[in-house]
Amino acid sequence: MGNMTASAQTKSAETESAQAKSTQQKSTQTKSTRRQRELTEKPRYAKGTRSYTMSRIRGKDTSIERIVRSYLFAHGMRFRKNDKRYPGHPDVVLPKYRTIVFVNGCFWHMHEGCGNHTMPKTNTAFWRAKLQRNRERDRRQHDELQRMGWHVIDVWECELGNAMRASRLERLVEQIVAHAPVGASGGTMNAAEHIQHQQTAARSEHDGTGENGENKETT
């Protein structure tokens, strides 16, 4: 009886030791996995820092993109947005004018000579590498689009501040109209004439009348 008890105690001790060893191994593996994930994942930033703010900015349908699109639409221009068929998923694609517009944040796209582009003081190496990749990618995409026959225009965030917004948007329309293909509506007009023409056409389309106020035929 005593031998059986001793044997049972020994087996119990061995089981507990094996379980403890297994638990320790799992804990070590979990810590190693977590550490590896922390090294490979995008760093987490403290709230209130520049890095934290920059990491949370959205990439599509930003306020500056909406400003540009609203202006072009109000002036009779029709376009596609974030078209995935083209390199860079351009913010504005105007097939009629064979023109593509990118609306760029000065920080994210490294606008040279702009006060809005300053390198964060924390995680500097990470941000410098990331932003330089962005700029190199932008150049490749612009070159590819131009080889495809597109006229590419960049509009920068700093140009859309209150002081410069009106003049920059007017100039944008001029840039688009100036490069309209031969035969495209507005190709021989200046920007002001083109805007008036497009607004008239847009109103006619909306109310069902022709450009001279005549009712369109419907089927």
Protein backbone atom coordinates (compact mmCIF):
# COMPACT_ATOMS: atom_id res chain seq x y z
CA MET A 1 0.00 0.00 0.00
CA GLY A 2 2.81 2.34 0.93
CA ASN A 3 4.63 1.60 -2.30
CA MET A 4 1.49 2.31 -4.33
CA THR A 5 1.01 5.63 -2.55
CA ALA A 6 4.62 6.62 -3.16
CA SER A 7 4.33 5.65 -6.82
CA ALA A 8 1.15 7.70 -7.23
CA GLN A 9 2.80 10.69 -5.58
CA THR A 10 5.79 10.37 -7.90
CA LYS A 11 3.57 10.25 -11.00
CA SER A 12 1.60 13.23 -9.74
CA ALA A 13 4.79 15.21 -9.19
CA GLU A 14 6.05 14.28 -12.66
CA THR A 15 2.73 15.38 -14.21
CA GLU A 16 2.78 18.70 -12.39
CA SER A 17 6.38 19.26 -13.46
CA ALA A 18 5.53 18.51 -17.10
CA GLN A 19 2.54 20.84 -16.98
CA ALA A 20 4.60 23.61 -15.45
CA LYS A 21 7.29 23.15 -18.10
CA SER A 22 4.67 23.22 -20.87
CA THR A 23 3.10 26.38 -19.44
CA GLN A 24 6.49 28.05 -19.25
CA GLN A 25 7.28 27.13 -22.86
CA LYS A 26 3.93 28.51 -24.07
CA SER A 27 4.52 31.72 -22.14
CA THR A 28 7.97 32.10 -23.69
CA GLN A 29 6.58 31.47 -27.18
CA THR A 30 3.77 33.98 -26.63
CA LYS A 31 6.22 36.66 -25.50
CA SER A 32 8.47 35.94 -28.48
CA THR A 33 5.54 36.14 -30.92
CA ARG A 34 4.30 39.37 -29.38
CA ARG A 35 7.77 40.88 -29.52
CA GLN A 36 8.16 39.90 -33.18
CA ARG A 37 4.80 41.43 -34.00
CA GLU A 38 5.75 44.67 -32.26
CA LEU A 39 8.93 44.84 -34.34
CA THR A 40 7.18 44.30 -37.65
CA GLU A 41 3.96 46.25 -37.12
CA LYS A 42 3.63 49.98 -37.71
CA PRO A 43 4.77 51.71 -34.54
CA ARG A 44 2.17 52.95 -32.10
CA TYR A 45 2.40 56.61 -31.22
CA ALA A 46 1.48 58.53 -28.11
CA LYS A 47 -1.61 60.71 -28.43
CA GLY A 48 -0.78 64.35 -28.96
CA THR A 49 2.41 63.70 -30.92
CA ARG A 50 2.88 64.69 -34.58
CA SER A 51 3.37 61.03 -35.51
CA TYR A 52 0.06 60.05 -33.90
CA THR A 53 -1.80 62.79 -35.74
CA MET A 54 -0.20 61.97 -39.10
CA SER A 55 -0.85 58.24 -38.77
CA ARG A 56 -4.60 58.81 -38.45
CA ILE A 57 -5.14 61.02 -41.50
CA ARG A 58 -7.40 59.41 -44.08
CA GLY A 59 -6.10 58.67 -47.56
CA LYS A 60 -9.22 59.18 -49.69
CA ASP A 61 -12.02 61.76 -49.87
CA THR A 62 -10.03 64.26 -47.87
CA SER A 63 -11.29 67.81 -47.38
CA ILE A 64 -8.93 69.20 -50.01
CA GLU A 65 -10.08 66.59 -52.54
CA ARG A 66 -13.69 67.58 -51.91
CA ILE A 67 -12.84 71.27 -52.43
CA VAL A 68 -11.36 70.56 -55.86
CA ARG A 69 -14.11 68.19 -56.96
CA SER A 70 -16.88 70.53 -55.84
CA TYR A 71 -15.33 73.42 -57.75
CA LEU A 72 -14.90 71.45 -60.95
CA PHE A 73 -18.41 70.03 -60.73
CA ALA A 74 -19.91 73.48 -60.09
CA HIS A 75 -18.13 74.71 -63.20
CA GLY A 76 -19.62 72.05 -65.42
CA MET A 77 -16.81 69.52 -65.46
CA ARG A 78 -17.65 65.85 -65.08
CA PHE A 79 -15.12 63.35 -63.88
CA ARG A 80 -14.43 60.04 -62.19
CA LYS A 81 -12.75 59.82 -58.82
CA ASN A 82 -10.17 57.36 -57.46
CA ASP A 83 -10.35 55.35 -60.67
CA LYS A 84 -8.53 52.08 -59.99
CA ARG A 85 -7.86 51.49 -63.68
CA TYR A 86 -5.05 54.04 -63.64
CA PRO A 87 -1.74 54.17 -61.75
CA GLY A 88 -2.14 55.85 -58.38
CA HIS A 89 -5.96 55.70 -58.41
CA PRO A 90 -6.11 59.41 -59.35
CA ASP A 91 -8.27 61.76 -57.28
CA VAL A 92 -9.89 63.26 -60.40
CA VAL A 93 -10.00 61.75 -63.88
CA LEU A 94 -11.41 63.90 -66.71
CA PRO A 95 -11.55 61.65 -69.80
CA LYS A 96 -13.04 64.40 -71.97
CA TYR A 97 -9.93 66.52 -71.43
CA ARG A 98 -7.47 63.63 -71.21
CA THR A 99 -6.42 65.11 -67.86
CA ILE A 100 -5.78 63.64 -64.44
CA VAL A 101 -5.58 65.67 -61.22
CA PHE A 102 -3.87 64.59 -58.02
CA VAL A 103 -4.75 66.56 -54.89
CA ASN A 104 -1.75 66.10 -52.62
CA GLY A 105 -1.22 66.65 -48.94
CA CYS A 106 2.05 68.54 -48.55
CA PHE A 107 3.28 66.35 -45.71
CA TRP A 108 2.46 62.96 -47.20
CA HIS A 109 3.84 63.76 -50.65
CA MET A 110 6.91 65.76 -49.52
CA HIS A 111 6.09 69.10 -51.14
CA GLU A 112 9.52 70.61 -51.58
CA GLY A 113 9.98 74.11 -50.21
CA CYS A 114 6.62 74.02 -48.42
CA GLY A 115 6.26 74.91 -44.75
CA ASN A 116 3.60 72.23 -44.35
CA HIS A 117 6.21 69.56 -44.99
CA THR A 118 8.36 69.09 -41.92
CA MET A 119 9.78 65.80 -40.74
CA PRO A 120 8.39 64.54 -37.39
CA LYS A 121 10.88 64.62 -34.55
CA THR A 122 9.82 61.19 -33.29
CA ASN A 123 10.34 57.98 -35.27
CA THR A 124 12.18 60.12 -37.80
CA ALA A 125 13.83 57.23 -39.64
CA PHE A 126 10.48 55.50 -40.15
CA TRP A 127 8.77 58.62 -41.48
CA ARG A 128 11.67 59.66 -43.74
CA ALA A 129 11.75 56.24 -45.41
CA LYS A 130 7.96 56.15 -45.77
CA LEU A 131 7.66 59.63 -47.25
CA GLN A 132 10.54 59.13 -49.65
CA ARG A 133 8.83 55.98 -50.91
CA ASN A 134 5.67 58.03 -51.42
CA ARG A 135 7.52 60.61 -53.49
CA GLU A 136 9.31 58.01 -55.61
CA ARG A 137 6.00 56.22 -56.20
CA ASP A 138 4.34 59.51 -57.24
CA ARG A 139 7.06 60.13 -59.83
CA ARG A 140 6.74 56.64 -61.28
CA GLN A 141 2.97 56.94 -61.53
CA HIS A 142 3.15 60.38 -63.16
CA ASP A 143 5.65 59.11 -65.72
CA GLU A 144 3.49 56.09 -66.51
CA LEU A 145 0.34 58.20 -66.93
CA GLN A 146 2.13 60.63 -69.22
CA ARG A 147 3.36 57.74 -71.35
CA MET A 148 -0.28 56.66 -71.60
CA GLY A 149 -1.11 60.09 -73.05
CA TRP A 150 -2.57 61.78 -69.97
CA HIS A 151 -1.95 65.36 -68.91
CA VAL A 152 -1.15 65.20 -65.17
CA ILE A 153 -1.74 68.11 -62.81
CA ASP A 154 -0.77 68.32 -59.13
CA VAL A 155 -2.75 70.52 -56.77
CA TRP A 156 -1.12 70.97 -53.37
CA GLU A 157 -2.76 71.35 -49.99
CA CYS A 158 -0.98 74.66 -49.33
CA GLU A 159 -2.46 76.08 -52.54
CA LEU A 160 -5.97 75.50 -51.22
CA GLY A 161 -5.68 77.67 -48.14
CA ASN A 162 -7.98 80.67 -47.92
CA ALA A 163 -5.41 83.08 -49.35
CA MET A 164 -4.66 81.14 -52.54
CA ARG A 165 -7.68 78.90 -53.07
CA ALA A 166 -9.69 80.99 -55.53
CA SER A 167 -6.76 81.79 -57.81
CA ARG A 168 -5.47 78.21 -57.74
CA LEU A 169 -8.84 76.71 -58.65
CA GLU A 170 -9.30 79.20 -61.49
CA ARG A 171 -5.85 78.32 -62.77
CA LEU A 172 -6.69 74.62 -62.50
CA VAL A 173 -9.62 75.08 -64.89
CA GLU A 174 -7.33 76.99 -67.25
CA GLN A 175 -4.79 74.15 -67.14
CA ILE A 176 -7.47 71.58 -67.91
CA VAL A 177 -9.05 73.56 -70.75
CA ALA A 178 -5.68 74.44 -72.29
CA HIS A 179 -4.90 70.76 -72.79
CA ALA A 180 -8.30 69.70 -74.09
CA PRO A 181 -7.85 67.40 -77.11
CA VAL A 182 -8.74 68.75 -80.54
CA GLY A 183 -12.46 68.33 -81.07
CA ALA A 184 -13.30 68.30 -77.36
CA SER A 185 -15.90 70.86 -76.28
CA GLY A 186 -14.07 73.93 -75.08
CA GLY A 187 -10.85 73.10 -76.89
CA THR A 188 -10.85 76.45 -78.69
CA MET A 189 -12.34 78.47 -75.81
CA ASN A 190 -10.61 80.30 -73.02
CA ALA A 191 -11.32 79.20 -69.45
CA ALA A 192 -14.07 81.77 -68.80
CA GLU A 193 -15.91 80.92 -72.02
CA HIS A 194 -15.55 77.25 -71.33
CA ILE A 195 -16.94 77.56 -67.81
CA GLN A 196 -19.98 79.45 -69.09
CA HIS A 197 -20.51 76.86 -71.82
CA GLN A 198 -20.24 73.94 -69.40
CA GLN A 199 -22.55 75.52 -66.82
CA THR A 200 -25.18 76.13 -69.53
CA ALA A 201 -24.87 72.54 -70.70
CA ALA A 202 -25.16 71.24 -67.13
CA ARG A 203 -28.30 73.31 -66.49
CA SER A 204 -29.80 72.13 -69.76
CA GLU A 205 -29.10 68.53 -68.85
CA HIS A 206 -30.72 69.05 -65.47
CA ASP A 207 -33.94 70.75 -66.66
CA GLY A 208 -34.35 68.83 -69.91
CA THR A 209 -33.88 71.75 -72.32
CA GLY A 210 -31.33 72.33 -75.04
CA GLU A 211 -28.65 74.98 -74.88
CA ASN A 212 -31.00 77.47 -76.58
CA GLY A 213 -33.79 76.71 -74.14
CA GLU A 214 -35.60 74.35 -76.48
CA ASN A 215 -37.09 71.18 -75.06
CA LYS A 216 -35.11 68.07 -75.79
CA GLU A 217 -36.81 65.16 -77.45
CA THR A 218 -37.30 62.23 -75.14
CA THR A 219 -37.98 58.64 -75.94
